[in-house]
Amino acid sequence: MIFVIAGLAILAGVFLSAIAVYLYARLADARRTAQRDRERAKHQIDFRDALLCADGEAVVVLGQDFQTNLAGESPNGLLKIAIDGPDGRRVATAFAALLQEGREFRLVARSQDLQEAIAIRGKTVRGRPVVFARSQGAAIPAIDFHTVLDGIAVPVWVRGPDTALRWSNRAFSDTASATGLQRALISNSALQRSELDMASAAIEGANIDAVRFALVDGERRAFSMKYTRLPDGAVAGTAVDITEKAQAEGKLRLHLEATADMLDGLPIAIAVFDGEQRLQSFNAAYAKTWSFAEDWLETHPTHGDVLDRLRETRQLPEQHDYALWKAGQLGLFEGCARRCEDYWHLAGGRSFRVVTSPHLQGGLVVTVEDVSESLRLKASLQLLTQVQRATIDAVEDGLAIFGPDGRLMSFNRSFSSLWHFDQNELADQPHFTKVARLAESRIGHDGIWSMVAAGIASNEPQRCNEWGKTTRADGRVMSLSMTRLPNGATMAMFHDLTDIVRFQELTGTSHAAA
């Protein structure tokens, strides 16, 4: 009995376990089914919520086994009107692109009687293609584009996949010397010989946008020709007359070349940097001045690169803080609104005058002039002037040199002392007439300065030496002699004979015997 009872218990346990497993599997499957139903319901709710953006438009869900109309008129009726109208092919093409590629679209289609316009837009909503349609009332008047294109002065034409001319406007016929569209179609007219080759390349998918020349009424004209591929495999061409532009560009190119040749002939180094501080152009003197390779300059280095290269070759003035000095040079691109001038004195004795000025198109124009020889000549001239000044100051007689224009060029201390002049009065090279007025205001009127005036104006001032001595207004006896210098100036020497004359009068001797 014990074994029987145990066996029955085991069988009962196995049976109950099988029932439990079965019930659990049914429950899990029910849960999965319920989850799928909830997700499907949520997706449908989200989809219908997204369609609420129709805002009064009729809605059609494409590619489904149902259609829905959330608002507005009957969608089938609106779409049928659009498809049956003159724009039906365009509507069908847009529908196919939406179904196959998910491509959104917006268009306006006209009814068959052209009395109604229907606005249609297509998009994907939650992965489904949906079309929204709305009537806009009266249709947009149809436009005869052939008439419009005939009215413009730009040649426009269409060639089929075999490059045969399908249509052209009046400007094309006139330019191609064809009398009307029919004759142009029959003769398959072309603007010029290479135009058919360009059309073939455009039909094969090439991007054609080129400048070609054609004879129009015996005159060579330049055209900017462009082809656009059409959906049916044909191509549409346009030709814009750019003859005046091409001529202007040619003149500008010639002017730039002439300017470049002129700059290359100048001994002053010139470089042009653009707004991005890159070297745009330079002349031969610029490369020669800094011993730069023209190949390197053709790479359009920046102004900073040029300064660094000059520093490497020790062709910059010595700087305590090169980075700060370089920043100041580059800062000229930001704040140089006028001409700036600087002098670079290099360690080897070379000196350069560097002038930067703003360029009209942005950036800077830099000119570099080697002034080493000029500065040496200026220093030599200053030294010569100082030697000349010391020499004439050593002369005891009063000495004055008047230029060809009558201005006082130089004088010695004896001259200013003899005529009671302050040297500051004579420092600005006064004219002879002013010097004479000053002398007469202090000494009195006499004929000495008239003699000087005659000597300055005379072709032979040496003849004034024949006048010998004369008495000044204050009673002093003066001897005047004048000499013409090689530069056209006149040197007047005043010798005071007063003491000699008085001594002769006291001793009773004559000046001639002495």
Protein backbone atom coordinates (compact mmCIF):
# COMPACT_ATOMS: atom_id res chain seq x y z
CA MET A 1 0.00 0.00 0.00
CA ILE A 2 2.84 2.34 0.77
CA PHE A 3 4.36 1.83 -2.67
CA VAL A 4 0.98 2.30 -4.35
CA ILE A 5 0.30 5.51 -2.46
CA ALA A 6 3.83 6.83 -3.27
CA GLY A 7 3.39 6.00 -6.95
CA LEU A 8 0.05 7.77 -7.12
CA ALA A 9 1.56 10.79 -5.39
CA ILE A 10 4.39 10.92 -7.89
CA LEU A 11 1.97 10.64 -10.83
CA ALA A 12 -0.18 13.38 -9.35
CA GLY A 13 2.88 15.63 -8.91
CA VAL A 14 4.01 15.09 -12.48
CA PHE A 15 0.54 15.80 -13.80
CA LEU A 16 0.17 18.97 -11.76
CA SER A 17 3.67 20.13 -12.84
CA ALA A 18 2.79 19.60 -16.51
CA ILE A 19 -0.42 21.58 -16.03
CA ALA A 20 1.58 24.41 -14.31
CA VAL A 21 4.14 24.53 -17.15
CA TYR A 22 1.35 24.64 -19.72
CA LEU A 23 -0.49 27.38 -17.91
CA TYR A 24 2.74 29.40 -17.51
CA ALA A 25 3.51 29.12 -21.24
CA ARG A 26 -0.04 30.23 -22.10
CA LEU A 27 0.30 33.18 -19.72
CA ALA A 28 3.67 34.24 -21.23
CA ASP A 29 2.26 34.04 -24.75
CA ALA A 30 -0.74 36.09 -23.66
CA ARG A 31 1.59 38.69 -22.18
CA ARG A 32 3.60 38.91 -25.40
CA THR A 33 0.41 39.24 -27.46
CA ALA A 34 -0.86 41.95 -25.15
CA GLN A 35 2.47 43.81 -25.40
CA ARG A 36 2.38 43.69 -29.21
CA ASP A 37 -1.20 44.91 -29.20
CA ARG A 38 -0.29 47.77 -26.86
CA GLU A 39 2.68 48.78 -29.07
CA ARG A 40 0.56 48.56 -32.24
CA ALA A 41 -2.15 50.63 -30.62
CA LYS A 42 0.39 53.20 -29.38
CA HIS A 43 1.94 53.41 -32.87
CA GLN A 44 -1.49 53.95 -34.42
CA ILE A 45 -2.32 56.61 -31.84
CA ASP A 46 1.01 58.38 -32.43
CA PHE A 47 0.49 58.18 -36.19
CA ARG A 48 -3.00 59.65 -35.97
CA ASP A 49 -1.79 62.34 -33.53
CA ALA A 50 0.93 63.29 -36.03
CA LEU A 51 -1.75 63.64 -38.73
CA LEU A 52 -3.51 66.29 -36.67
CA CYS A 53 -1.00 68.78 -38.18
CA ALA A 54 -3.11 68.62 -41.35
CA ASP A 55 -4.86 71.81 -40.17
CA GLY A 56 -7.93 71.41 -42.34
CA GLU A 57 -6.17 69.58 -45.17
CA ALA A 58 -7.47 66.34 -46.65
CA VAL A 59 -5.15 63.42 -45.82
CA VAL A 60 -4.35 60.30 -47.82
CA VAL A 61 -2.02 57.53 -46.59
CA LEU A 62 -0.34 56.00 -49.61
CA GLY A 63 0.60 52.37 -49.98
CA GLN A 64 -1.86 51.20 -47.29
CA ASP A 65 -5.07 49.20 -47.40
CA PHE A 66 -7.04 52.13 -45.98
CA GLN A 67 -7.45 55.88 -46.46
CA THR A 68 -8.47 58.42 -43.86
CA ASN A 69 -9.97 61.87 -44.05
CA LEU A 70 -9.29 63.75 -40.81
CA ALA A 71 -10.55 67.11 -42.07
CA GLY A 72 -11.44 69.06 -45.15
CA GLU A 73 -12.86 67.79 -48.39
CA SER A 74 -12.73 64.27 -49.77
CA PRO A 75 -9.07 63.47 -50.45
CA ASN A 76 -9.89 61.19 -53.37
CA GLY A 77 -11.79 63.98 -55.07
CA LEU A 78 -8.99 66.55 -54.66
CA LEU A 79 -6.28 64.16 -55.83
CA LYS A 80 -8.36 63.03 -58.78
CA ILE A 81 -8.81 66.67 -59.84
CA ALA A 82 -5.06 67.22 -59.55
CA ILE A 83 -4.13 64.04 -61.44
CA ASP A 84 -6.64 64.66 -64.22
CA GLY A 85 -5.45 68.25 -64.69
CA PRO A 86 -2.59 69.54 -66.88
CA ASP A 87 -0.11 68.99 -64.02
CA GLY A 88 -1.04 65.32 -63.53
CA ARG A 89 2.32 63.94 -64.68
CA ARG A 90 4.16 66.14 -62.20
CA VAL A 91 1.84 64.99 -59.39
CA ALA A 92 2.30 61.31 -60.27
CA THR A 93 6.09 61.69 -60.40
CA ALA A 94 6.08 63.32 -56.95
CA PHE A 95 3.90 60.50 -55.55
CA ALA A 96 6.27 57.85 -56.94
CA ALA A 97 9.31 59.58 -55.45
CA LEU A 98 7.56 59.75 -52.06
CA LEU A 99 6.64 56.05 -52.12
CA GLN A 100 9.98 54.76 -53.39
CA GLU A 101 12.49 57.16 -51.83
CA GLY A 102 10.57 58.96 -49.11
CA ARG A 103 11.28 62.30 -50.89
CA GLU A 104 9.09 65.13 -49.58
CA PHE A 105 7.47 67.55 -52.01
CA ARG A 106 5.28 70.63 -52.29
CA LEU A 107 3.43 71.65 -55.44
CA VAL A 108 0.32 73.34 -56.77
CA ALA A 109 -1.74 71.50 -59.39
CA ARG A 110 -4.43 72.98 -61.59
CA SER A 111 -7.78 71.47 -62.46
CA GLN A 112 -8.67 70.41 -65.99
CA ASP A 113 -10.70 73.57 -66.60
CA LEU A 114 -7.96 75.73 -64.99
CA GLN A 115 -10.57 77.14 -62.57
CA GLU A 116 -9.18 75.61 -59.36
CA ALA A 117 -5.74 75.23 -57.78
CA ILE A 118 -4.94 72.42 -55.33
CA ALA A 119 -1.97 72.67 -52.96
CA ILE A 120 -0.45 69.24 -52.39
CA ARG A 121 2.40 68.31 -50.08
CA GLY A 122 3.84 64.88 -49.32
CA LYS A 123 5.98 63.67 -46.43
CA THR A 124 6.66 60.56 -44.33
CA VAL A 125 4.84 60.36 -40.98
CA ARG A 126 6.04 57.63 -38.61
CA GLY A 127 7.57 55.87 -41.59
CA ARG A 128 4.40 56.03 -43.72
CA PRO A 129 4.00 58.15 -46.89
CA VAL A 130 1.22 60.69 -46.39
CA VAL A 131 -0.22 63.24 -48.79
CA PHE A 132 -2.00 66.43 -47.66
CA ALA A 133 -4.28 68.23 -50.10
CA ARG A 134 -6.14 71.52 -49.90
CA SER A 135 -8.11 73.54 -52.41
CA GLN A 136 -6.81 77.07 -52.94
CA GLY A 137 -9.78 78.26 -54.95
CA ALA A 138 -9.08 80.01 -58.25
CA ALA A 139 -6.12 78.58 -60.17
CA ILE A 140 -2.98 80.53 -60.97
CA PRO A 141 -3.20 81.75 -64.55
CA ALA A 142 -1.19 79.65 -66.94
CA ILE A 143 1.94 81.31 -68.29
CA ASP A 144 3.21 80.81 -71.80
CA PHE A 145 6.88 80.38 -71.01
CA HIS A 146 7.80 80.18 -74.68
CA THR A 147 6.53 83.73 -75.11
CA VAL A 148 8.43 84.82 -72.01
CA LEU A 149 11.67 83.25 -73.23
CA ASP A 150 11.18 84.78 -76.67
CA GLY A 151 11.09 88.18 -75.02
CA ILE A 152 14.51 87.98 -73.36
CA ALA A 153 17.75 88.84 -75.15
CA VAL A 154 19.64 85.74 -73.95
CA PRO A 155 19.72 82.74 -76.33
CA VAL A 156 17.91 79.71 -74.81
CA TRP A 157 17.46 76.35 -76.55
CA VAL A 158 16.68 72.67 -75.89
CA ARG A 159 18.38 69.67 -77.51
CA GLY A 160 17.14 66.10 -77.32
CA PRO A 161 19.17 63.05 -76.30
CA ASP A 162 20.37 62.83 -79.94
CA THR A 163 21.56 66.50 -79.78
CA ALA A 164 18.85 67.48 -82.28
CA LEU A 165 17.40 70.92 -81.70
CA ARG A 166 13.91 70.68 -80.16
CA TRP A 167 13.14 74.32 -79.43
CA SER A 168 14.82 77.71 -79.25
CA ASN A 169 13.83 81.28 -78.50
CA ARG A 170 14.07 84.22 -80.89
CA ALA A 171 17.44 85.35 -79.51
CA PHE A 172 18.96 81.96 -80.38
CA SER A 173 17.63 82.14 -83.94
CA ASP A 174 18.97 85.66 -84.40
CA THR A 175 22.38 84.77 -82.97
CA ALA A 176 22.62 81.55 -85.04
CA SER A 177 21.56 83.46 -88.20
CA ALA A 178 18.42 81.34 -88.56
CA THR A 179 15.22 82.95 -89.80
CA GLY A 180 12.67 81.60 -87.35
CA LEU A 181 12.25 78.50 -85.19
CA GLN A 182 11.17 76.13 -87.97
CA ARG A 183 14.26 76.84 -90.11
CA ALA A 184 16.45 76.48 -87.01
CA LEU A 185 14.88 73.08 -86.26
CA ILE A 186 15.25 71.87 -89.85
CA SER A 187 18.90 72.89 -90.13
CA ASN A 188 19.68 71.88 -86.52
CA SER A 189 21.30 75.31 -86.01
CA ALA A 190 24.13 75.80 -83.53
CA LEU A 191 25.73 78.93 -82.10
CA GLN A 192 29.20 77.69 -83.03
CA ARG A 193 31.00 74.49 -84.07
CA SER A 194 31.79 73.06 -80.64
CA GLU A 195 28.28 73.60 -79.29
CA LEU A 196 27.02 70.14 -80.36
CA ASP A 197 30.03 68.47 -78.70
CA MET A 198 29.25 70.35 -75.51
CA ALA A 199 25.60 69.20 -75.74
CA SER A 200 26.73 65.56 -76.14
CA ALA A 201 28.95 65.85 -73.06
CA ALA A 202 26.08 67.39 -71.07
CA ILE A 203 23.73 64.57 -72.15
CA GLU A 204 26.26 62.07 -70.82
CA GLY A 205 26.21 63.84 -67.46
CA ALA A 206 29.16 66.26 -67.69
CA ASN A 207 28.88 69.68 -66.08
CA ILE A 208 29.21 72.17 -68.94
CA ASP A 209 29.90 75.82 -68.12
CA ALA A 210 32.41 77.37 -70.52
CA VAL A 211 33.22 80.48 -72.54
CA ARG A 212 33.04 80.17 -76.32
CA PHE A 213 33.37 82.66 -79.19
CA ALA A 214 30.95 82.98 -82.10
CA LEU A 215 30.51 85.26 -85.11
CA VAL A 216 27.36 87.37 -84.83
CA ASP A 217 26.66 89.71 -87.76
CA GLY A 218 30.32 89.47 -88.74
CA GLU A 219 31.54 90.41 -85.25
CA ARG A 220 33.36 88.04 -82.92
CA ARG A 221 31.42 87.82 -79.65
CA ALA A 222 32.17 85.97 -76.41
CA PHE A 223 29.42 83.85 -74.76
CA SER A 224 29.23 82.15 -71.39
CA MET A 225 27.50 78.87 -72.36
CA LYS A 226 25.87 76.54 -69.85
CA TYR A 227 23.91 73.30 -70.24
CA THR A 228 21.35 71.89 -67.77
CA ARG A 229 20.24 68.27 -68.01
CA LEU A 230 16.44 67.75 -68.09
CA PRO A 231 14.57 64.77 -66.57
CA ASP A 232 13.77 63.22 -69.97
CA GLY A 233 17.45 63.10 -70.98
CA ALA A 234 17.38 66.29 -73.03
CA VAL A 235 19.51 69.34 -72.20
CA ALA A 236 18.67 73.05 -72.04
CA GLY A 237 21.35 75.52 -73.06
CA THR A 238 21.83 79.22 -72.35
CA ALA A 239 24.39 81.65 -73.77
CA VAL A 240 25.06 84.99 -72.06
CA ASP A 241 26.94 87.59 -74.12
CA ILE A 242 30.01 88.59 -72.08
CA THR A 243 31.95 90.34 -74.83
CA GLU A 244 32.21 93.63 -72.95
CA LYS A 245 33.25 91.79 -69.80
CA ALA A 246 35.90 89.79 -71.68
CA GLN A 247 37.24 92.98 -73.28
CA ALA A 248 37.36 94.71 -69.89
CA GLU A 249 39.16 91.71 -68.39
CA GLY A 250 41.65 91.76 -71.27
CA LYS A 251 42.34 95.46 -70.77
CA LEU A 252 42.70 94.92 -67.03
CA ARG A 253 45.08 92.00 -67.59
CA LEU A 254 47.14 94.12 -69.99
CA HIS A 255 47.16 96.98 -67.49
CA LEU A 256 48.30 94.65 -64.70
CA GLU A 257 51.07 93.24 -66.89
CA ALA A 258 52.18 96.75 -67.85
CA THR A 259 52.15 97.78 -64.20
CA ALA A 260 54.16 94.71 -63.27
CA ASP A 261 56.73 95.50 -65.99
CA MET A 262 56.92 99.09 -64.78
CA LEU A 263 57.42 98.02 -61.16
CA ASP A 264 60.12 95.55 -62.21
CA GLY A 265 62.00 98.45 -63.79
CA LEU A 266 61.98 100.52 -60.59
CA PRO A 267 65.09 100.41 -58.38
CA ILE A 268 62.93 100.62 -55.24
CA ALA A 269 61.76 97.30 -53.80
CA ILE A 270 57.96 96.98 -53.73
CA ALA A 271 55.82 94.23 -52.18
CA VAL A 272 52.03 93.99 -51.80
CA PHE A 273 50.49 91.99 -48.93
CA ASP A 274 46.76 91.19 -48.85
CA GLY A 275 44.35 91.43 -45.92
CA GLU A 276 45.46 87.98 -44.71
CA GLN A 277 49.07 89.27 -44.60
CA ARG A 278 50.15 87.08 -47.51
CA LEU A 279 52.50 88.30 -50.22
CA GLN A 280 50.50 88.81 -53.40
CA SER A 281 52.95 90.56 -55.73
CA PHE A 282 56.49 91.91 -55.74
CA ASN A 283 59.00 93.34 -58.18
CA ALA A 284 62.49 92.14 -59.08
CA ALA A 285 64.12 94.76 -56.84
CA TYR A 286 62.36 93.31 -53.78
CA ALA A 287 63.82 89.85 -54.33
CA LYS A 288 67.25 91.34 -55.12
CA THR A 289 67.31 93.69 -52.12
CA TRP A 290 66.79 90.88 -49.61
CA SER A 291 68.44 88.12 -51.70
CA PHE A 292 65.21 86.13 -51.71
CA ALA A 293 64.63 83.26 -54.15
CA GLU A 294 61.69 84.15 -56.39
CA ASP A 295 60.45 80.54 -56.17
CA TRP A 296 60.00 81.02 -52.43
CA LEU A 297 58.26 84.37 -52.87
CA GLU A 298 55.87 82.76 -55.38
CA THR A 299 54.59 80.53 -52.56
CA HIS A 300 52.93 83.67 -51.09
CA PRO A 301 54.57 83.67 -47.64
CA THR A 302 53.05 85.77 -44.89
CA HIS A 303 54.61 89.03 -43.73
CA GLY A 304 55.62 87.24 -40.53
CA ASP A 305 57.45 84.57 -42.57
CA VAL A 306 59.32 87.29 -44.47
CA LEU A 307 60.41 88.97 -41.22
CA ASP A 308 61.56 85.62 -39.81
CA ARG A 309 63.58 84.90 -42.96
CA LEU A 310 65.18 88.38 -42.77
CA ARG A 311 66.09 87.76 -39.13
CA GLU A 312 67.69 84.43 -40.01
CA THR A 313 69.88 86.14 -42.62
CA ARG A 314 70.68 89.06 -40.23
CA GLN A 315 68.98 91.64 -42.42
CA LEU A 316 66.93 93.26 -39.67
CA PRO A 317 67.91 95.97 -37.19
CA GLU A 318 68.95 94.53 -33.86
CA GLN A 319 66.04 94.30 -31.40
CA HIS A 320 66.03 93.70 -27.65
CA ASP A 321 62.64 91.99 -27.90
CA TYR A 322 62.14 90.62 -31.42
CA ALA A 323 58.71 89.12 -30.64
CA LEU A 324 57.40 92.52 -29.47
CA TRP A 325 58.91 94.32 -32.48
CA LYS A 326 57.45 91.74 -34.88
CA ALA A 327 54.02 92.10 -33.29
CA GLY A 328 54.25 95.84 -33.88
CA GLN A 329 55.11 95.29 -37.56
CA LEU A 330 52.22 92.89 -38.03
CA GLY A 331 49.96 95.29 -36.14
CA LEU A 332 50.29 97.72 -39.05
CA PHE A 333 47.79 95.53 -40.93
CA GLU A 334 45.20 96.35 -38.28
CA GLY A 335 45.81 100.04 -37.62
CA CYS A 336 47.72 101.43 -40.61
CA ALA A 337 45.23 103.92 -42.01
CA ARG A 338 47.93 106.21 -43.36
CA ARG A 339 51.46 106.16 -44.68
CA CYS A 340 54.07 105.03 -42.12
CA GLU A 341 57.82 105.54 -42.55
CA ASP A 342 60.70 103.88 -40.73
CA TYR A 343 64.46 103.51 -41.13
CA TRP A 344 66.26 100.20 -40.68
CA HIS A 345 69.97 100.54 -39.87
CA LEU A 346 71.65 97.15 -40.16
CA ALA A 347 74.80 96.01 -38.44
CA GLY A 348 76.77 95.82 -41.70
CA GLY A 349 76.37 99.52 -42.40
CA ARG A 350 73.40 99.22 -44.76
CA SER A 351 70.41 101.48 -44.16
CA PHE A 352 66.91 101.13 -45.60
CA ARG A 353 63.93 103.45 -45.73
CA VAL A 354 60.82 101.29 -45.26
CA VAL A 355 57.45 102.84 -46.08
CA THR A 356 54.14 101.04 -45.47
CA SER A 357 50.85 102.38 -46.80
CA PRO A 358 47.33 100.87 -46.93
CA HIS A 359 46.26 99.14 -50.13
CA LEU A 360 42.91 100.00 -51.67
CA GLN A 361 41.87 96.32 -51.69
CA GLY A 362 43.04 95.68 -48.14
CA GLY A 363 46.47 94.82 -46.81
CA LEU A 364 49.65 96.85 -47.14
CA VAL A 365 52.04 98.09 -49.80
CA VAL A 366 55.65 97.95 -48.54
CA THR A 367 58.42 99.87 -50.31
CA VAL A 368 62.07 99.43 -49.37
CA GLU A 369 64.71 101.90 -50.53
CA ASP A 370 68.43 101.45 -49.93
CA VAL A 371 69.52 104.85 -48.54
CA SER A 372 73.01 103.77 -47.43
CA GLU A 373 74.78 105.84 -50.10
CA SER A 374 72.42 108.76 -49.63
CA LEU A 375 73.12 108.86 -45.89
CA ARG A 376 76.87 108.65 -46.54
CA LEU A 377 76.65 111.55 -49.00
CA LYS A 378 74.54 113.54 -46.55
CA ALA A 379 77.11 112.96 -43.80
CA SER A 380 79.91 114.01 -46.16
CA LEU A 381 77.98 117.12 -47.14
CA GLN A 382 77.42 118.02 -43.50
CA LEU A 383 81.12 117.56 -42.81
CA LEU A 384 82.03 119.66 -45.84
CA THR A 385 79.60 122.36 -44.72
CA GLN A 386 81.15 122.41 -41.27
CA VAL A 387 84.65 122.64 -42.77
CA GLN A 388 83.51 125.44 -45.09
CA ARG A 389 81.91 127.25 -42.17
CA ALA A 390 85.07 126.98 -40.09
CA THR A 391 87.16 128.16 -43.05
CA ILE A 392 85.17 131.31 -43.79
CA ASP A 393 84.91 132.08 -40.05
CA ALA A 394 88.71 132.15 -40.00
CA VAL A 395 88.75 134.94 -42.62
CA GLU A 396 89.14 138.36 -40.97
CA ASP A 397 87.23 140.22 -43.68
CA GLY A 398 83.44 140.19 -43.75
CA LEU A 399 82.29 137.54 -46.22
CA ALA A 400 78.80 136.88 -47.56
CA ILE A 401 77.67 134.52 -50.32
CA PHE A 402 74.42 135.27 -52.15
CA GLY A 403 72.77 132.61 -54.30
CA PRO A 404 71.51 133.10 -57.88
CA ASP A 405 68.07 133.87 -56.42
CA GLY A 406 69.52 136.65 -54.24
CA ARG A 407 69.23 134.78 -50.94
CA LEU A 408 72.03 134.79 -48.39
CA MET A 409 73.52 131.30 -48.54
CA SER A 410 76.43 131.67 -46.13
CA PHE A 411 78.34 134.28 -44.11
CA ASN A 412 81.04 134.47 -41.49
CA ARG A 413 81.13 136.03 -38.04
CA SER A 414 83.16 139.02 -39.31
CA PHE A 415 80.31 139.90 -41.71
CA SER A 416 77.63 139.90 -38.99
CA SER A 417 79.94 141.85 -36.63
CA LEU A 418 80.90 144.40 -39.30
CA TRP A 419 77.24 145.22 -40.11
CA HIS A 420 75.88 144.73 -36.59
CA PHE A 421 73.75 141.71 -37.51
CA ASP A 422 72.46 139.11 -35.08
CA GLN A 423 73.33 135.69 -36.51
CA ASN A 424 69.77 134.47 -35.79
CA GLU A 425 68.47 137.16 -38.15
CA LEU A 426 70.49 135.67 -40.98
CA ALA A 427 69.88 131.98 -40.15
CA ASP A 428 66.82 131.53 -42.43
CA GLN A 429 68.68 132.69 -45.58
CA PRO A 430 67.00 136.09 -46.01
CA HIS A 431 66.87 137.77 -49.41
CA PHE A 432 69.46 140.41 -50.32
CA THR A 433 66.88 143.21 -50.09
CA LYS A 434 66.08 142.29 -46.47
CA VAL A 435 69.78 142.21 -45.59
CA ALA A 436 70.23 145.67 -47.13
CA ARG A 437 67.24 147.08 -45.22
CA LEU A 438 68.57 145.72 -41.94
CA ALA A 439 72.01 147.23 -42.62
CA GLU A 440 70.62 150.67 -43.53
CA SER A 441 68.36 150.69 -40.47
CA ARG A 442 71.41 150.27 -38.24
CA ILE A 443 74.24 152.04 -40.09
CA GLY A 444 72.42 154.50 -42.31
CA HIS A 445 71.89 154.91 -46.03
CA ASP A 446 74.95 154.79 -48.29
CA GLY A 447 75.81 153.43 -51.72
CA ILE A 448 77.57 150.24 -50.62
CA TRP A 449 74.54 147.96 -50.88
CA SER A 450 73.65 149.44 -54.26
CA MET A 451 77.10 148.37 -55.43
CA VAL A 452 76.47 144.87 -54.01
CA ALA A 453 73.11 144.71 -55.80
CA ALA A 454 74.77 145.70 -59.06
CA GLY A 455 77.42 143.01 -58.57
CA ILE A 456 74.83 140.29 -57.91
CA ALA A 457 72.86 141.26 -61.01
CA SER A 458 75.96 141.78 -63.18
CA ASN A 459 77.27 139.19 -65.58
CA GLU A 460 80.79 140.18 -64.53
CA PRO A 461 80.76 141.02 -60.81
CA GLN A 462 84.58 141.33 -60.88
CA ARG A 463 84.14 144.77 -62.47
CA CYS A 464 82.84 146.03 -59.14
CA ASN A 465 86.39 145.71 -57.82
CA GLU A 466 87.28 148.78 -59.91
CA TRP A 467 85.21 150.96 -57.60
CA GLY A 468 87.89 150.55 -54.90
CA LYS A 469 87.14 151.89 -51.48
CA THR A 470 84.01 153.69 -50.35
CA THR A 471 82.86 155.37 -47.18
CA ARG A 472 80.04 153.87 -45.18
CA ALA A 473 77.27 156.01 -43.68
CA ASP A 474 78.88 155.88 -40.24
CA GLY A 475 82.19 157.20 -41.67
CA ARG A 476 84.05 153.90 -41.84
CA VAL A 477 86.02 153.29 -44.99
CA MET A 478 85.20 149.98 -46.68
CA SER A 479 86.76 148.09 -49.56
CA LEU A 480 84.32 145.91 -51.54
CA SER A 481 85.26 143.06 -53.86
CA MET A 482 82.94 140.45 -55.44
CA THR A 483 83.53 137.16 -57.20
CA ARG A 484 81.19 134.84 -59.13
CA LEU A 485 81.35 131.24 -57.86
CA PRO A 486 80.99 128.13 -60.09
CA ASN A 487 77.44 127.43 -58.87
CA GLY A 488 76.28 130.91 -59.97
CA ALA A 489 76.42 132.41 -56.49
CA THR A 490 78.15 135.74 -55.80
CA MET A 491 80.70 136.12 -52.98
CA ALA A 492 81.02 139.64 -51.53
CA MET A 493 84.01 140.52 -49.29
CA PHE A 494 84.00 143.62 -47.11
CA HIS A 495 87.43 144.87 -45.86
CA ASP A 496 87.48 147.61 -43.21
CA LEU A 497 90.19 150.17 -44.23
CA THR A 498 89.29 152.77 -41.60
CA ASP A 499 92.34 152.24 -39.38
CA ILE A 500 94.74 152.21 -42.34
CA VAL A 501 93.29 155.44 -43.77
CA ARG A 502 93.47 157.20 -40.41
CA PHE A 503 97.06 156.06 -39.90
CA GLN A 504 97.96 157.37 -43.32
CA GLU A 505 96.33 160.70 -42.58
CA LEU A 506 98.29 161.01 -39.33
CA THR A 507 101.65 160.07 -40.88
CA GLY A 508 101.01 162.06 -44.05
CA THR A 509 101.71 159.13 -46.30
CA SER A 510 99.48 157.98 -49.10
CA HIS A 511 97.80 154.73 -49.28
CA ALA A 512 99.17 154.16 -52.73
CA ALA A 513 102.77 154.66 -51.54
CA ALA A 514 102.19 152.32 -48.68
